[in-house]
Amino acid sequence: MSEPIVVGTDGSDESDRALQWAAAEAVLRERPLHIVHTVESWPYKAPLFMPPDTTEQMTRAGRRLLAAARERVQERWPDLETTTALIAEDPPKALRDQSAKAFELVLGSRGRGGFASMLLGSTSLRMAAHSTVPVVIVRGDTTDRGEIVVGVDLLTDAGTLLDYAFDAAALRDARLRVVHAWQTFSTSYDADHTVAIEQTKRDLRAQVVEAYQPLRAKYPGVDVVDEIALEHSVTALSNASRNARLLVVGTHQRHWAAPQLGSTTHGVIHHAHCPIAVIPPTHGDRQEP
């Protein structure tokens, strides 16, 4: 069985958009869809004054929510293999466990509050920092038109990140825009400074092309453009996302004890105008079962 697309749902509008995106992604990639809903691990975390049938009520509500989500998916994609899971666990742990062998995890940018909260912004951010598989946070415009945009940091190995971006562009027959942002703090605008800036841009563009060149043979049909943006990386990527259907960014190499989402990735998650795929550095080492 191929690695599934896992999506978290809590019944909110945001998570329903994530569900629809995940289902379309599963169809596009010819992978099964796995829908997950969590409730807190009752009764151990429940106050003593809670009614004794709270656990049963929440379980029934969760099952109804999952059944409704699966029904919506099957109405639109009747041939898509779809499974569900109701988990009584802390949401980040449940999502991590359920997506451990997935191709990617899809979440809404935020969700409902209260005891059954699933997709609060903090959960999405924690999963983006900790997950060993790509995490797609669905926000902004979910159009099926536009470019795939990938942000490249030339100080780190971008191979895994670029491979995901090229693959996404090839699947969607979309143009791939490779963006590298560079910000100068000089206030000089004389001729020598302008010449230096232009030379720096040429040097950076050559490095960007060198970074993605190995993938041109693997994805010969992908139309690639590169962009050197002289502004803050969050601003550059957020602006590029206005005309994109997916923005692809990476995380820093990190350990479980010290996750490093990175200021750029953290910023674009909050400001992008389209879904964001956050790619861990270890994703490229994983093998298809």
Protein backbone atom coordinates (compact mmCIF):
# COMPACT_ATOMS: atom_id res chain seq x y z
CA MET A 1 0.00 0.00 0.00
CA SER A 2 1.39 3.42 -0.93
CA GLU A 3 2.00 6.06 1.71
CA PRO A 4 -1.27 7.91 2.38
CA ILE A 5 -2.10 11.58 2.52
CA VAL A 6 -3.11 12.22 6.15
CA VAL A 7 -5.40 15.12 7.00
CA GLY A 8 -6.56 16.37 10.38
CA THR A 9 -10.12 17.60 10.81
CA ASP A 10 -12.09 19.17 13.64
CA GLY A 11 -15.23 20.24 11.78
CA SER A 12 -14.17 23.87 11.37
CA ASP A 13 -14.32 25.70 8.05
CA GLU A 14 -10.51 25.83 7.97
CA SER A 15 -10.15 22.09 8.44
CA ASP A 16 -12.84 21.42 5.83
CA ARG A 17 -10.78 23.38 3.30
CA ALA A 18 -7.77 21.31 4.33
CA LEU A 19 -9.82 18.14 3.83
CA GLN A 20 -10.82 19.16 0.31
CA TRP A 21 -7.21 20.07 -0.55
CA ALA A 22 -5.91 16.77 0.85
CA ALA A 23 -8.48 14.72 -1.05
CA ALA A 24 -7.61 16.44 -4.34
CA GLU A 25 -3.92 15.87 -3.57
CA ALA A 26 -4.54 12.19 -2.88
CA VAL A 27 -6.33 11.80 -6.21
CA LEU A 28 -3.56 13.67 -8.04
CA ARG A 29 -0.84 11.52 -6.47
CA GLU A 30 -2.90 8.30 -6.66
CA ARG A 31 -2.57 7.73 -2.93
CA PRO A 32 -5.13 6.79 -0.25
CA LEU A 33 -6.56 9.44 2.05
CA HIS A 34 -6.55 9.02 5.84
CA ILE A 35 -8.75 11.42 7.88
CA VAL A 36 -7.89 11.92 11.56
CA HIS A 37 -9.87 13.53 14.37
CA THR A 38 -8.65 13.77 17.96
CA VAL A 39 -10.32 14.31 21.29
CA GLU A 40 -8.52 14.87 24.55
CA SER A 41 -7.56 11.67 26.37
CA TRP A 42 -10.64 11.45 28.59
CA PRO A 43 -11.41 10.83 31.36
CA TYR A 44 -7.89 11.35 32.71
CA LYS A 45 -7.71 15.05 31.83
CA ALA A 46 -11.33 15.83 32.65
CA PRO A 47 -12.19 17.91 35.74
CA LEU A 48 -13.89 15.95 38.48
CA PHE A 49 -17.16 17.85 37.99
CA MET A 50 -17.56 16.83 34.35
CA PRO A 51 -20.64 14.68 33.63
CA PRO A 52 -19.83 10.94 33.59
CA ASP A 53 -21.10 10.49 30.02
CA THR A 54 -18.82 13.19 28.56
CA THR A 55 -16.44 10.64 27.06
CA GLU A 56 -19.24 8.80 25.28
CA GLN A 57 -20.75 12.04 23.97
CA MET A 58 -17.44 13.24 22.57
CA THR A 59 -16.76 9.85 21.01
CA ARG A 60 -20.13 9.86 19.27
CA ALA A 61 -19.60 13.42 18.08
CA GLY A 62 -16.16 12.53 16.74
CA ARG A 63 -17.50 9.52 14.87
CA ARG A 64 -20.26 11.63 13.31
CA LEU A 65 -17.72 14.24 12.27
CA LEU A 66 -15.49 11.65 10.61
CA ALA A 67 -18.41 9.95 8.89
CA ALA A 68 -19.58 13.29 7.49
CA ALA A 69 -16.07 14.15 6.31
CA ARG A 70 -15.67 10.80 4.57
CA GLU A 71 -19.08 11.17 2.95
CA ARG A 72 -18.18 14.60 1.55
CA VAL A 73 -15.00 13.21 0.08
CA GLN A 74 -16.69 10.20 -1.48
CA GLU A 75 -19.44 12.32 -3.02
CA ARG A 76 -16.81 14.18 -5.06
CA TRP A 77 -14.18 11.45 -5.44
CA PRO A 78 -16.06 8.12 -5.22
CA ASP A 79 -13.04 6.03 -6.26
CA LEU A 80 -10.66 7.51 -3.69
CA GLU A 81 -9.66 5.01 -1.01
CA THR A 82 -10.54 6.78 2.25
CA THR A 83 -10.06 5.69 5.85
CA THR A 84 -10.70 7.45 9.17
CA ALA A 85 -9.35 7.35 12.71
CA LEU A 86 -10.71 8.76 15.98
CA ILE A 87 -7.84 9.18 18.45
CA ALA A 88 -8.09 10.00 22.17
CA GLU A 89 -4.74 11.72 22.53
CA ASP A 90 -2.96 15.05 22.60
CA PRO A 91 -3.41 16.40 19.03
CA PRO A 92 0.29 16.86 18.11
CA LYS A 93 1.17 13.38 19.34
CA ALA A 94 -1.82 11.83 17.56
CA LEU A 95 -0.96 13.58 14.31
CA ARG A 96 2.69 12.63 14.59
CA ASP A 97 1.84 8.98 15.17
CA GLN A 98 -0.81 8.81 12.43
CA SER A 99 1.44 10.49 9.86
CA ALA A 100 4.68 8.70 10.73
CA LYS A 101 4.43 6.52 7.60
CA ALA A 102 2.49 9.00 5.47
CA PHE A 103 3.58 10.80 2.33
CA GLU A 104 2.49 14.12 3.84
CA LEU A 105 0.28 15.64 6.53
CA VAL A 106 -2.34 18.28 5.68
CA LEU A 107 -3.69 20.74 8.26
CA GLY A 108 -5.80 23.86 8.40
CA SER A 109 -4.17 27.09 9.52
CA ARG A 110 -6.38 27.14 12.61
CA GLY A 111 -9.53 25.48 13.92
CA ARG A 112 -12.07 25.31 16.68
CA GLY A 113 -11.34 26.13 20.28
CA GLY A 114 -12.57 24.16 23.27
CA PHE A 115 -11.93 20.64 24.46
CA ALA A 116 -12.12 19.02 21.02
CA SER A 117 -9.81 21.55 19.35
CA MET A 118 -7.76 19.95 16.61
CA LEU A 119 -6.22 22.48 14.31
CA LEU A 120 -5.33 25.53 16.35
CA GLY A 121 -2.57 27.59 14.80
CA SER A 122 -0.16 26.41 17.48
CA THR A 123 -0.77 22.77 16.50
CA SER A 124 -0.05 23.46 12.84
CA LEU A 125 3.14 25.32 13.75
CA ARG A 126 4.29 22.54 16.08
CA MET A 127 3.71 19.90 13.44
CA ALA A 128 5.53 21.96 10.81
CA ALA A 129 8.53 22.15 13.14
CA HIS A 130 8.52 18.55 14.37
CA SER A 131 7.13 16.39 11.57
CA THR A 132 9.40 14.02 9.67
CA VAL A 133 7.09 14.20 6.62
CA PRO A 134 6.03 17.26 4.62
CA VAL A 135 3.31 19.32 6.31
CA VAL A 136 0.90 21.28 4.11
CA ILE A 137 -0.89 24.12 5.91
CA VAL A 138 -3.92 25.14 3.89
CA ARG A 139 -4.59 28.86 4.01
CA GLY A 140 -5.27 31.62 1.51
CA ASP A 141 -6.44 30.84 -2.02
CA THR A 142 -6.70 27.15 -2.92
CA THR A 143 -6.95 27.70 -6.66
CA ASP A 144 -5.87 24.99 -9.08
CA ARG A 145 -4.15 27.60 -11.27
CA GLY A 146 -0.89 29.47 -10.86
CA GLU A 147 2.75 28.69 -10.20
CA ILE A 148 4.52 26.52 -7.67
CA VAL A 149 6.87 28.76 -5.69
CA VAL A 150 9.84 27.47 -3.70
CA GLY A 151 12.04 29.53 -1.42
CA VAL A 152 15.72 28.57 -1.48
CA ASP A 153 18.34 29.32 1.17
CA LEU A 154 21.75 29.01 -0.46
CA LEU A 155 23.43 28.40 2.90
CA THR A 156 21.71 25.03 3.33
CA ASP A 157 21.32 21.92 1.21
CA ALA A 158 18.15 22.53 -0.83
CA GLY A 159 18.08 19.18 -2.63
CA THR A 160 15.14 17.67 -0.74
CA LEU A 161 13.19 20.92 -0.87
CA LEU A 162 13.72 21.38 -4.60
CA ASP A 163 12.86 17.77 -5.38
CA TYR A 164 9.46 18.17 -3.68
CA ALA A 165 8.86 21.46 -5.51
CA PHE A 166 9.81 20.05 -8.93
CA ASP A 167 7.61 17.01 -8.32
CA ALA A 168 4.65 19.21 -7.32
CA ALA A 169 5.09 21.34 -10.43
CA ALA A 170 5.38 18.30 -12.71
CA LEU A 171 2.21 16.73 -11.29
CA ARG A 172 0.25 19.93 -11.80
CA ASP A 173 1.82 20.89 -15.14
CA ALA A 174 2.68 24.21 -13.51
CA ARG A 175 5.56 26.62 -13.80
CA LEU A 176 8.09 26.48 -10.96
CA ARG A 177 9.43 29.76 -9.58
CA VAL A 178 12.63 29.40 -7.54
CA VAL A 179 13.01 32.41 -5.25
CA HIS A 180 16.06 33.51 -3.31
CA ALA A 181 15.78 36.69 -1.24
CA TRP A 182 18.75 38.88 -0.42
CA GLN A 183 18.48 42.07 1.55
CA THR A 184 21.11 44.79 1.58
CA PHE A 185 21.16 47.36 4.33
CA SER A 186 23.37 49.83 2.49
CA THR A 187 21.96 53.33 1.99
CA SER A 188 24.39 54.16 -0.82
CA TYR A 189 22.89 54.56 -4.28
CA ASP A 190 25.90 55.74 -6.29
CA ALA A 191 26.97 54.12 -9.56
CA ASP A 192 29.56 51.84 -7.95
CA HIS A 193 27.01 50.53 -5.49
CA THR A 194 24.50 49.84 -8.28
CA VAL A 195 27.12 47.91 -10.23
CA ALA A 196 27.99 45.90 -7.12
CA ILE A 197 24.33 45.07 -6.53
CA GLU A 198 23.86 43.86 -10.10
CA GLN A 199 26.97 41.70 -9.88
CA THR A 200 25.75 40.21 -6.62
CA LYS A 201 22.42 39.39 -8.24
CA ARG A 202 24.17 37.66 -11.12
CA ASP A 203 26.31 35.65 -8.70
CA LEU A 204 23.30 34.63 -6.62
CA ARG A 205 21.31 33.66 -9.71
CA ALA A 206 24.18 31.46 -10.86
CA GLN A 207 24.17 29.72 -7.46
CA VAL A 208 20.40 29.22 -7.58
CA VAL A 209 20.60 27.70 -11.07
CA GLU A 210 23.43 25.44 -9.91
CA ALA A 211 21.28 24.30 -6.96
CA TYR A 212 18.35 23.15 -9.12
CA GLN A 213 20.29 22.09 -12.22
CA PRO A 214 20.55 18.38 -11.18
CA LEU A 215 16.75 18.17 -11.19
CA ARG A 216 16.29 19.46 -14.74
CA ALA A 217 17.06 16.03 -16.18
CA LYS A 218 14.70 14.30 -13.74
CA TYR A 219 11.85 16.72 -14.53
CA PRO A 220 12.50 17.83 -18.14
CA GLY A 221 8.94 19.05 -18.68
CA VAL A 222 8.96 21.57 -15.82
CA ASP A 223 9.21 25.22 -16.87
CA VAL A 224 11.55 26.87 -14.33
CA VAL A 225 12.10 30.56 -13.67
CA ASP A 226 14.42 31.94 -11.02
CA GLU A 227 13.97 35.15 -9.08
CA ILE A 228 16.49 37.06 -6.97
CA ALA A 229 14.48 39.36 -4.70
CA LEU A 230 16.22 42.30 -3.00
CA GLU A 231 13.98 42.30 0.06
CA HIS A 232 13.26 40.36 3.22
CA SER A 233 12.62 36.68 2.52
CA VAL A 234 9.18 36.70 4.18
CA THR A 235 8.11 39.67 2.06
CA ALA A 236 9.51 38.13 -1.12
CA LEU A 237 7.85 34.75 -0.64
CA SER A 238 4.55 36.22 0.56
CA ASN A 239 4.42 38.44 -2.52
CA ALA A 240 5.27 35.51 -4.81
CA SER A 241 2.52 33.44 -3.19
CA ARG A 242 -0.15 35.84 -4.50
CA ASN A 243 0.08 34.18 -7.92
CA ALA A 244 0.84 30.67 -6.64
CA ARG A 245 -1.17 27.55 -5.97
CA LEU A 246 1.47 26.20 -3.55
CA LEU A 247 4.43 27.72 -1.69
CA VAL A 248 7.20 25.30 -0.72
CA VAL A 249 9.61 26.13 2.11
CA GLY A 250 12.01 24.17 4.28
CA THR A 251 12.94 23.78 7.92
CA HIS A 252 16.35 23.90 9.53
CA GLN A 253 18.16 20.71 10.49
CA ARG A 254 17.00 20.11 14.05
CA HIS A 255 16.57 17.67 16.90
CA TRP A 256 13.32 16.79 18.67
CA ALA A 257 14.55 18.59 21.77
CA ALA A 258 15.23 21.80 19.85
CA PRO A 259 12.96 22.29 16.82
CA GLN A 260 13.94 25.11 14.48
CA LEU A 261 11.11 26.12 12.19
CA GLY A 262 13.09 29.17 11.06
CA SER A 263 11.97 32.79 11.06
CA THR A 264 11.28 32.81 7.32
CA THR A 265 9.11 29.68 7.38
CA HIS A 266 7.32 30.90 10.50
CA GLY A 267 6.65 34.23 8.83
CA VAL A 268 5.32 32.88 5.53
CA ILE A 269 2.99 30.47 7.36
CA HIS A 270 1.28 33.54 8.78
CA HIS A 271 1.41 35.76 5.68
CA ALA A 272 1.24 33.55 2.57
CA HIS A 273 -1.72 33.83 0.21
CA CYS A 274 -1.83 30.14 -0.74
CA PRO A 275 -1.24 26.72 0.88
CA ILE A 276 2.29 26.22 2.26
CA ALA A 277 4.23 22.95 2.13
CA VAL A 278 6.91 22.74 4.84
CA ILE A 279 9.53 20.14 3.92
CA PRO A 280 11.77 18.52 6.56
CA PRO A 281 15.40 17.91 5.59
CA THR A 282 15.05 14.16 6.16
CA HIS A 283 12.10 13.67 3.77
CA GLY A 284 14.28 12.88 0.78
CA ASP A 285 15.88 9.94 2.63
CA ARG A 286 12.59 8.13 3.08
CA GLN A 287 11.80 5.22 0.79
CA GLU A 288 8.49 4.14 -0.67
CA PRO A 289 7.36 0.89 1.01
